[in-house]
Amino acid sequence: MKLYVDTSNKQVTVSKESVEKTDQNGRQKTERETGRPMWSTQVFILDEDGGEVITITTAGVRPEVKVGQVVTLSKLEALPWSTNGRSGVAFRAQEIKAASVSAVKSA
């Protein structure tokens, strides 16, 4: 089962540029199924209850977004994890792209 997060009523702003998602040896990770390179982008998500910083993984071409830019997320998926007594939630999106002018005004 996939858990998708609705960000349509939230303002999402890039807080750190996209960087290569690397393994413990410093090599860029790739998707198992496709071999596409993986990227990590830190964003700040703001809604009526406050804000939160999360890191989102994408695969393929590096997202062309800049710090401070309002963006939209396609198919943001929450991935709960647990290992060695620690747990959390990882986030993955199909795409991160600059928001249209109308999306920025309504946010």
C-alpha atoms as a PDB file:
ATOM      1  CA  MET A   1       0.000   0.000   0.000  1.00  0.00           C
ATOM      2  CA  LYS A   2       1.264   3.457  -0.880  1.00  0.00           C
ATOM      3  CA  LEU A   3       0.626   6.457   1.382  1.00  0.00           C
ATOM      4  CA  TYR A   4       0.348   9.673  -0.643  1.00  0.00           C
ATOM      5  CA  VAL A   5       0.433  13.118   0.995  1.00  0.00           C
ATOM      6  CA  ASP A   6      -1.863  15.858  -0.335  1.00  0.00           C
ATOM      7  CA  THR A   7       0.126  19.100  -0.613  1.00  0.00           C
ATOM      8  CA  SER A   8      -2.434  21.016  -2.689  1.00  0.00           C
ATOM      9  CA  ASN A   9      -3.290  23.368   0.224  1.00  0.00           C
ATOM     10  CA  LYS A  10       0.265  23.781   1.472  1.00  0.00           C
ATOM     11  CA  GLN A  11       3.056  26.143   0.490  1.00  0.00           C
ATOM     12  CA  VAL A  12       6.217  24.204  -0.347  1.00  0.00           C
ATOM     13  CA  THR A  13       9.472  26.190  -0.533  1.00  0.00           C
ATOM     14  CA  VAL A  14      12.947  24.866  -1.353  1.00  0.00           C
ATOM     15  CA  SER A  15      15.231  25.313   1.675  1.00  0.00           C
ATOM     16  CA  LYS A  16      18.329  23.522   0.323  1.00  0.00           C
ATOM     17  CA  GLU A  17      19.316  22.779  -3.276  1.00  0.00           C
ATOM     18  CA  SER A  18      19.054  19.292  -4.706  1.00  0.00           C
ATOM     19  CA  VAL A  19      22.105  17.111  -4.064  1.00  0.00           C
ATOM     20  CA  GLU A  20      23.031  13.561  -5.003  1.00  0.00           C
ATOM     21  CA  LYS A  21      21.568  10.962  -2.644  1.00  0.00           C
ATOM     22  CA  THR A  22      24.635   8.920  -1.703  1.00  0.00           C
ATOM     23  CA  ASP A  23      25.341   5.561  -0.100  1.00  0.00           C
ATOM     24  CA  GLN A  24      27.732   4.972   2.821  1.00  0.00           C
ATOM     25  CA  ASN A  25      30.681   4.994   0.366  1.00  0.00           C
ATOM     26  CA  GLY A  26      29.759   8.381  -1.111  1.00  0.00           C
ATOM     27  CA  ARG A  27      28.471   6.996  -4.441  1.00  0.00           C
ATOM     28  CA  GLN A  28      25.230   8.317  -5.866  1.00  0.00           C
ATOM     29  CA  LYS A  29      22.332   5.931  -5.289  1.00  0.00           C
ATOM     30  CA  THR A  30      20.213   4.740  -8.198  1.00  0.00           C
ATOM     31  CA  GLU A  31      16.731   3.257  -8.449  1.00  0.00           C
ATOM     32  CA  ARG A  32      16.846  -0.529  -8.392  1.00  0.00           C
ATOM     33  CA  GLU A  33      14.281  -0.969 -11.151  1.00  0.00           C
ATOM     34  CA  THR A  34      15.432   1.704 -13.603  1.00  0.00           C
ATOM     35  CA  GLY A  35      18.988   2.679 -12.698  1.00  0.00           C
ATOM     36  CA  ARG A  36      17.982   6.364 -12.660  1.00  0.00           C
ATOM     37  CA  PRO A  37      20.116   8.561 -10.338  1.00  0.00           C
ATOM     38  CA  MET A  38      18.514   9.667  -7.060  1.00  0.00           C
ATOM     39  CA  TRP A  39      18.422  13.216  -5.646  1.00  0.00           C
ATOM     40  CA  SER A  40      17.622  14.706  -2.228  1.00  0.00           C
ATOM     41  CA  THR A  41      15.920  18.098  -1.965  1.00  0.00           C
ATOM     42  CA  GLN A  42      15.139  19.784   1.356  1.00  0.00           C
ATOM     43  CA  VAL A  43      11.877  21.750   1.480  1.00  0.00           C
ATOM     44  CA  PHE A  44       9.876  23.742   4.023  1.00  0.00           C
ATOM     45  CA  ILE A  45       6.159  22.906   4.017  1.00  0.00           C
ATOM     46  CA  LEU A  46       3.828  25.518   5.505  1.00  0.00           C
ATOM     47  CA  ASP A  47       0.111  25.192   6.251  1.00  0.00           C
ATOM     48  CA  GLU A  48      -2.394  26.656   8.724  1.00  0.00           C
ATOM     49  CA  ASP A  49      -0.922  24.582  11.592  1.00  0.00           C
ATOM     50  CA  GLY A  50       2.691  25.709  11.097  1.00  0.00           C
ATOM     51  CA  GLY A  51       5.645  24.459   9.129  1.00  0.00           C
ATOM     52  CA  GLU A  52       8.042  21.554   8.860  1.00  0.00           C
ATOM     53  CA  VAL A  53      11.299  20.856   7.046  1.00  0.00           C
ATOM     54  CA  ILE A  54      11.509  17.533   5.201  1.00  0.00           C
ATOM     55  CA  THR A  55      13.868  15.980   2.684  1.00  0.00           C
ATOM     56  CA  ILE A  56      12.332  14.552  -0.464  1.00  0.00           C
ATOM     57  CA  THR A  57      13.950  11.957  -2.729  1.00  0.00           C
ATOM     58  CA  THR A  58      13.370  12.009  -6.484  1.00  0.00           C
ATOM     59  CA  ALA A  59      14.844   9.923  -9.294  1.00  0.00           C
ATOM     60  CA  GLY A  60      15.912  10.862 -12.797  1.00  0.00           C
ATOM     61  CA  VAL A  61      17.038  14.310 -13.841  1.00  0.00           C
ATOM     62  CA  ARG A  62      18.192  16.616 -11.032  1.00  0.00           C
ATOM     63  CA  PRO A  63      15.299  18.898  -9.985  1.00  0.00           C
ATOM     64  CA  GLU A  64      15.899  22.395 -11.392  1.00  0.00           C
ATOM     65  CA  VAL A  65      14.828  24.369  -8.333  1.00  0.00           C
ATOM     66  CA  LYS A  66      16.532  27.041  -6.237  1.00  0.00           C
ATOM     67  CA  VAL A  67      16.549  27.935  -2.551  1.00  0.00           C
ATOM     68  CA  GLY A  68      13.556  30.137  -1.721  1.00  0.00           C
ATOM     69  CA  GLN A  69      11.567  29.009  -4.747  1.00  0.00           C
ATOM     70  CA  VAL A  70       7.963  27.878  -4.263  1.00  0.00           C
ATOM     71  CA  VAL A  71       7.503  24.439  -5.823  1.00  0.00           C
ATOM     72  CA  THR A  72       4.876  21.788  -6.476  1.00  0.00           C
ATOM     73  CA  LEU A  73       5.265  18.106  -5.704  1.00  0.00           C
ATOM     74  CA  SER A  74       3.898  15.276  -7.828  1.00  0.00           C
ATOM     75  CA  LYS A  75       2.824  12.104  -6.006  1.00  0.00           C
ATOM     76  CA  LEU A  76       4.496  12.805  -2.644  1.00  0.00           C
ATOM     77  CA  GLU A  77       4.698   9.451  -0.900  1.00  0.00           C
ATOM     78  CA  ALA A  78       5.328   8.892   2.829  1.00  0.00           C
ATOM     79  CA  LEU A  79       7.469   5.813   3.496  1.00  0.00           C
ATOM     80  CA  PRO A  80       7.529   4.733   7.166  1.00  0.00           C
ATOM     81  CA  TRP A  81      10.741   2.927   8.162  1.00  0.00           C
ATOM     82  CA  SER A  82      12.222   1.210  11.193  1.00  0.00           C
ATOM     83  CA  THR A  83      15.748  -0.141  11.654  1.00  0.00           C
ATOM     84  CA  ASN A  84      18.016  -0.899  14.630  1.00  0.00           C
ATOM     85  CA  GLY A  85      15.487   0.491  17.122  1.00  0.00           C
ATOM     86  CA  ARG A  86      15.064   3.770  15.215  1.00  0.00           C
ATOM     87  CA  SER A  87      12.108   4.749  13.084  1.00  0.00           C
ATOM     88  CA  GLY A  88      10.824   7.625  11.005  1.00  0.00           C
ATOM     89  CA  VAL A  89       9.227   8.617   7.744  1.00  0.00           C
ATOM     90  CA  ALA A  90      11.047   9.124   4.454  1.00  0.00           C
ATOM     91  CA  PHE A  91       9.475  11.084   1.608  1.00  0.00           C
ATOM     92  CA  ARG A  92       9.653  10.457  -2.108  1.00  0.00           C
ATOM     93  CA  ALA A  93       8.087  12.391  -4.970  1.00  0.00           C
ATOM     94  CA  GLN A  94       7.721  11.656  -8.636  1.00  0.00           C
ATOM     95  CA  GLU A  95       8.700  15.254  -9.450  1.00  0.00           C
ATOM     96  CA  ILE A  96       9.616  18.591  -7.844  1.00  0.00           C
ATOM     97  CA  LYS A  97       9.144  21.616 -10.084  1.00  0.00           C
ATOM     98  CA  ALA A  98       8.700  25.363  -9.885  1.00  0.00           C
ATOM     99  CA  ALA A  99       5.149  26.374  -9.005  1.00  0.00           C
ATOM    100  CA  SER A 100       3.103  28.308 -11.531  1.00  0.00           C
ATOM    101  CA  VAL A 101       2.291  31.949 -10.764  1.00  0.00           C
ATOM    102  CA  SER A 102      -1.366  31.056 -10.006  1.00  0.00           C
ATOM    103  CA  ALA A 103      -0.287  28.323  -7.545  1.00  0.00           C
ATOM    104  CA  VAL A 104       1.985  30.770  -5.718  1.00  0.00           C
ATOM    105  CA  LYS A 105      -0.788  33.401  -5.405  1.00  0.00           C
ATOM    106  CA  SER A 106      -3.316  30.927  -3.988  1.00  0.00           C
ATOM    107  CA  ALA A 107      -0.899  29.569  -1.370  1.00  0.00           C
END
